[in-house]
Amino acid sequence: MKKVVKTENAPAPIGPYNQAILAGNTLYISGQIALDPGSGELKIDDLEEETVLVLENLKAILKEAGLNLNHVVKTSIFISDMNNFGKINEVYSRYFNADNAPARETLEVANLPKFVNVEISAIAVKF
């Protein structure tokens, strides 16, 4: 059975999709960008701040589903410029302990929604 997961503590979708879907014990979180859930303002002027906001949006969705970052088994990171990989990775490492970090891929893409610099999606599992 599929359950839609949504919270006002993360940005509303900007298209015909949901923030996350819980299917059984697996939570599929749609790609998050640096939209401030309170103001709706896009925060892309500072890459570190942008990456933090993306990860905080992911955390808010996880929390709504009764999960946390330790439940994340896979992330996908989409970036507009591979030269930003190191900066994004540094912020990411504050959220995921290297010993328990999820599987992941990082891809450079031509463009992202609203022309942001980073978008991250995740899959989490209730243990």
C-alpha atoms as a PDB file:
ATOM      1  CA  MET A   1       0.000   0.000   0.000  1.00  0.00           C
ATOM      2  CA  LYS A   2       1.237   3.474  -0.852  1.00  0.00           C
ATOM      3  CA  LYS A   3       0.920   6.461   1.478  1.00  0.00           C
ATOM      4  CA  VAL A   4       1.656  10.071   0.566  1.00  0.00           C
ATOM      5  CA  VAL A   5       3.940  11.814   3.066  1.00  0.00           C
ATOM      6  CA  LYS A   6       3.823  15.596   3.204  1.00  0.00           C
ATOM      7  CA  THR A   7       4.834  18.281   5.640  1.00  0.00           C
ATOM      8  CA  GLU A   8       4.685  22.051   5.758  1.00  0.00           C
ATOM      9  CA  ASN A   9       8.242  21.952   7.137  1.00  0.00           C
ATOM     10  CA  ALA A  10       9.597  21.237   3.656  1.00  0.00           C
ATOM     11  CA  PRO A  11       8.744  23.014   0.404  1.00  0.00           C
ATOM     12  CA  ALA A  12       5.588  22.059  -1.436  1.00  0.00           C
ATOM     13  CA  PRO A  13       6.152  20.279  -4.747  1.00  0.00           C
ATOM     14  CA  ILE A  14       6.573  22.537  -7.777  1.00  0.00           C
ATOM     15  CA  GLY A  15       4.918  20.037 -10.095  1.00  0.00           C
ATOM     16  CA  PRO A  16       2.624  17.007 -10.197  1.00  0.00           C
ATOM     17  CA  TYR A  17       4.433  14.899  -7.575  1.00  0.00           C
ATOM     18  CA  ASN A  18       4.562  14.456  -3.796  1.00  0.00           C
ATOM     19  CA  GLN A  19       7.298  15.207  -1.302  1.00  0.00           C
ATOM     20  CA  ALA A  20       7.544  11.512  -0.506  1.00  0.00           C
ATOM     21  CA  ILE A  21       5.799   8.181  -0.867  1.00  0.00           C
ATOM     22  CA  LEU A  22       5.874   5.474   1.788  1.00  0.00           C
ATOM     23  CA  ALA A  23       5.496   2.015   0.228  1.00  0.00           C
ATOM     24  CA  GLY A  24       5.636  -0.692   2.871  1.00  0.00           C
ATOM     25  CA  ASN A  25       8.720   0.087   4.956  1.00  0.00           C
ATOM     26  CA  THR A  26      10.431   2.120   2.234  1.00  0.00           C
ATOM     27  CA  LEU A  27      10.217   5.907   1.938  1.00  0.00           C
ATOM     28  CA  TYR A  28      10.979   7.457  -1.447  1.00  0.00           C
ATOM     29  CA  ILE A  29      11.751  11.163  -1.086  1.00  0.00           C
ATOM     30  CA  SER A  30      11.503  13.374  -4.151  1.00  0.00           C
ATOM     31  CA  GLY A  31      14.432  15.589  -5.048  1.00  0.00           C
ATOM     32  CA  GLN A  32      14.728  18.529  -2.683  1.00  0.00           C
ATOM     33  CA  ILE A  33      16.061  21.932  -3.626  1.00  0.00           C
ATOM     34  CA  ALA A  34      16.840  25.023  -1.554  1.00  0.00           C
ATOM     35  CA  LEU A  35      13.341  26.414  -1.248  1.00  0.00           C
ATOM     36  CA  ASP A  36      12.688  27.819   2.198  1.00  0.00           C
ATOM     37  CA  PRO A  37       9.474  26.120   3.377  1.00  0.00           C
ATOM     38  CA  GLY A  38       8.406  29.137   5.440  1.00  0.00           C
ATOM     39  CA  SER A  39       8.907  31.924   2.946  1.00  0.00           C
ATOM     40  CA  GLY A  40       8.951  29.991  -0.323  1.00  0.00           C
ATOM     41  CA  GLU A  41      12.146  31.886  -1.110  1.00  0.00           C
ATOM     42  CA  LEU A  42      14.855  30.221  -3.188  1.00  0.00           C
ATOM     43  CA  LYS A  43      18.258  30.318  -1.428  1.00  0.00           C
ATOM     44  CA  ILE A  44      20.991  29.766  -4.003  1.00  0.00           C
ATOM     45  CA  ASP A  45      23.424  32.642  -3.487  1.00  0.00           C
ATOM     46  CA  ASP A  46      25.680  30.685  -1.107  1.00  0.00           C
ATOM     47  CA  LEU A  47      26.417  27.043  -2.016  1.00  0.00           C
ATOM     48  CA  GLU A  48      26.953  25.949   1.601  1.00  0.00           C
ATOM     49  CA  GLU A  49      23.671  27.549   2.741  1.00  0.00           C
ATOM     50  CA  GLU A  50      21.913  26.044  -0.276  1.00  0.00           C
ATOM     51  CA  THR A  51      23.170  22.533   0.491  1.00  0.00           C
ATOM     52  CA  VAL A  52      22.250  22.848   4.178  1.00  0.00           C
ATOM     53  CA  LEU A  53      18.704  23.885   3.279  1.00  0.00           C
ATOM     54  CA  VAL A  54      18.344  20.958   0.855  1.00  0.00           C
ATOM     55  CA  LEU A  55      19.422  18.517   3.580  1.00  0.00           C
ATOM     56  CA  GLU A  56      17.213  20.175   6.194  1.00  0.00           C
ATOM     57  CA  ASN A  57      14.248  19.785   3.831  1.00  0.00           C
ATOM     58  CA  LEU A  58      15.087  16.082   3.513  1.00  0.00           C
ATOM     59  CA  LYS A  59      15.266  15.788   7.310  1.00  0.00           C
ATOM     60  CA  ALA A  60      11.847  17.426   7.694  1.00  0.00           C
ATOM     61  CA  ILE A  61      10.262  14.895   5.345  1.00  0.00           C
ATOM     62  CA  LEU A  62      11.980  12.012   7.114  1.00  0.00           C
ATOM     63  CA  LYS A  63      10.714  13.312  10.457  1.00  0.00           C
ATOM     64  CA  GLU A  64       7.148  13.520   9.144  1.00  0.00           C
ATOM     65  CA  ALA A  65       7.414   9.830   8.234  1.00  0.00           C
ATOM     66  CA  GLY A  66       8.816   8.952  11.684  1.00  0.00           C
ATOM     67  CA  LEU A  67      12.333   8.426  10.369  1.00  0.00           C
ATOM     68  CA  ASN A  68      15.711  10.165  10.545  1.00  0.00           C
ATOM     69  CA  LEU A  69      18.944  10.321   8.564  1.00  0.00           C
ATOM     70  CA  ASN A  70      20.069   6.954   9.976  1.00  0.00           C
ATOM     71  CA  HIS A  71      17.249   5.320   8.002  1.00  0.00           C
ATOM     72  CA  VAL A  72      18.513   6.646   4.660  1.00  0.00           C
ATOM     73  CA  VAL A  73      19.966   3.840   2.541  1.00  0.00           C
ATOM     74  CA  LYS A  74      20.479   5.698  -0.757  1.00  0.00           C
ATOM     75  CA  THR A  75      20.803   9.273  -1.961  1.00  0.00           C
ATOM     76  CA  SER A  76      21.119  10.778  -5.402  1.00  0.00           C
ATOM     77  CA  ILE A  77      22.846  14.130  -5.713  1.00  0.00           C
ATOM     78  CA  PHE A  78      22.388  16.206  -8.834  1.00  0.00           C
ATOM     79  CA  ILE A  79      24.680  19.200  -9.251  1.00  0.00           C
ATOM     80  CA  SER A  80      24.964  21.836 -11.936  1.00  0.00           C
ATOM     81  CA  ASP A  81      28.775  22.044 -11.774  1.00  0.00           C
ATOM     82  CA  MET A  82      31.082  19.192 -10.766  1.00  0.00           C
ATOM     83  CA  ASN A  83      33.576  21.817  -9.576  1.00  0.00           C
ATOM     84  CA  ASN A  84      31.200  22.292  -6.608  1.00  0.00           C
ATOM     85  CA  PHE A  85      31.448  18.617  -5.616  1.00  0.00           C
ATOM     86  CA  GLY A  86      33.944  19.223  -2.791  1.00  0.00           C
ATOM     87  CA  LYS A  87      31.907  21.996  -1.157  1.00  0.00           C
ATOM     88  CA  ILE A  88      28.665  20.030  -1.385  1.00  0.00           C
ATOM     89  CA  ASN A  89      30.380  16.885  -0.112  1.00  0.00           C
ATOM     90  CA  GLU A  90      31.765  18.784   2.897  1.00  0.00           C
ATOM     91  CA  VAL A  91      28.261  19.875   3.945  1.00  0.00           C
ATOM     92  CA  TYR A  92      26.835  16.409   3.179  1.00  0.00           C
ATOM     93  CA  SER A  93      29.433  14.827   5.471  1.00  0.00           C
ATOM     94  CA  ARG A  94      28.044  16.849   8.407  1.00  0.00           C
ATOM     95  CA  TYR A  95      24.733  15.040   7.985  1.00  0.00           C
ATOM     96  CA  PHE A  96      25.941  11.516   7.214  1.00  0.00           C
ATOM     97  CA  ASN A  97      28.618   9.758   9.278  1.00  0.00           C
ATOM     98  CA  ALA A  98      31.185   8.124   6.970  1.00  0.00           C
ATOM     99  CA  ASP A  99      30.893   4.808   8.852  1.00  0.00           C
ATOM    100  CA  ASN A 100      27.115   4.658   8.340  1.00  0.00           C
ATOM    101  CA  ALA A 101      26.632   6.780   5.210  1.00  0.00           C
ATOM    102  CA  PRO A 102      24.095   5.638   2.610  1.00  0.00           C
ATOM    103  CA  ALA A 103      24.946   4.460  -0.879  1.00  0.00           C
ATOM    104  CA  ARG A 104      24.888   7.357  -3.328  1.00  0.00           C
ATOM    105  CA  GLU A 105      25.713   8.731  -6.711  1.00  0.00           C
ATOM    106  CA  THR A 106      26.537  12.279  -7.710  1.00  0.00           C
ATOM    107  CA  LEU A 107      25.764  13.464 -11.202  1.00  0.00           C
ATOM    108  CA  GLU A 108      26.454  16.703 -13.002  1.00  0.00           C
ATOM    109  CA  VAL A 109      23.445  17.776 -15.042  1.00  0.00           C
ATOM    110  CA  ALA A 110      22.864  20.578 -17.537  1.00  0.00           C
ATOM    111  CA  ASN A 111      20.080  22.228 -15.526  1.00  0.00           C
ATOM    112  CA  LEU A 112      18.039  21.672 -12.388  1.00  0.00           C
ATOM    113  CA  PRO A 113      14.584  22.952 -11.395  1.00  0.00           C
ATOM    114  CA  LYS A 114      14.604  26.714 -10.880  1.00  0.00           C
ATOM    115  CA  PHE A 115      18.271  26.621 -11.974  1.00  0.00           C
ATOM    116  CA  VAL A 116      19.504  25.634  -8.498  1.00  0.00           C
ATOM    117  CA  ASN A 117      23.018  24.324  -7.923  1.00  0.00           C
ATOM    118  CA  VAL A 118      22.115  21.130  -6.053  1.00  0.00           C
ATOM    119  CA  GLU A 119      19.172  18.745  -5.701  1.00  0.00           C
ATOM    120  CA  ILE A 120      19.139  15.638  -3.496  1.00  0.00           C
ATOM    121  CA  SER A 121      16.652  12.754  -3.416  1.00  0.00           C
ATOM    122  CA  ALA A 122      16.700   9.865  -0.943  1.00  0.00           C
ATOM    123  CA  ILE A 123      15.397   6.427  -0.154  1.00  0.00           C
ATOM    124  CA  ALA A 124      14.948   5.459   3.494  1.00  0.00           C
ATOM    125  CA  VAL A 125      13.869   2.204   5.132  1.00  0.00           C
ATOM    126  CA  LYS A 126      12.113   1.605   8.449  1.00  0.00           C
ATOM    127  CA  PHE A 127      14.110  -1.124  10.217  1.00  0.00           C
END
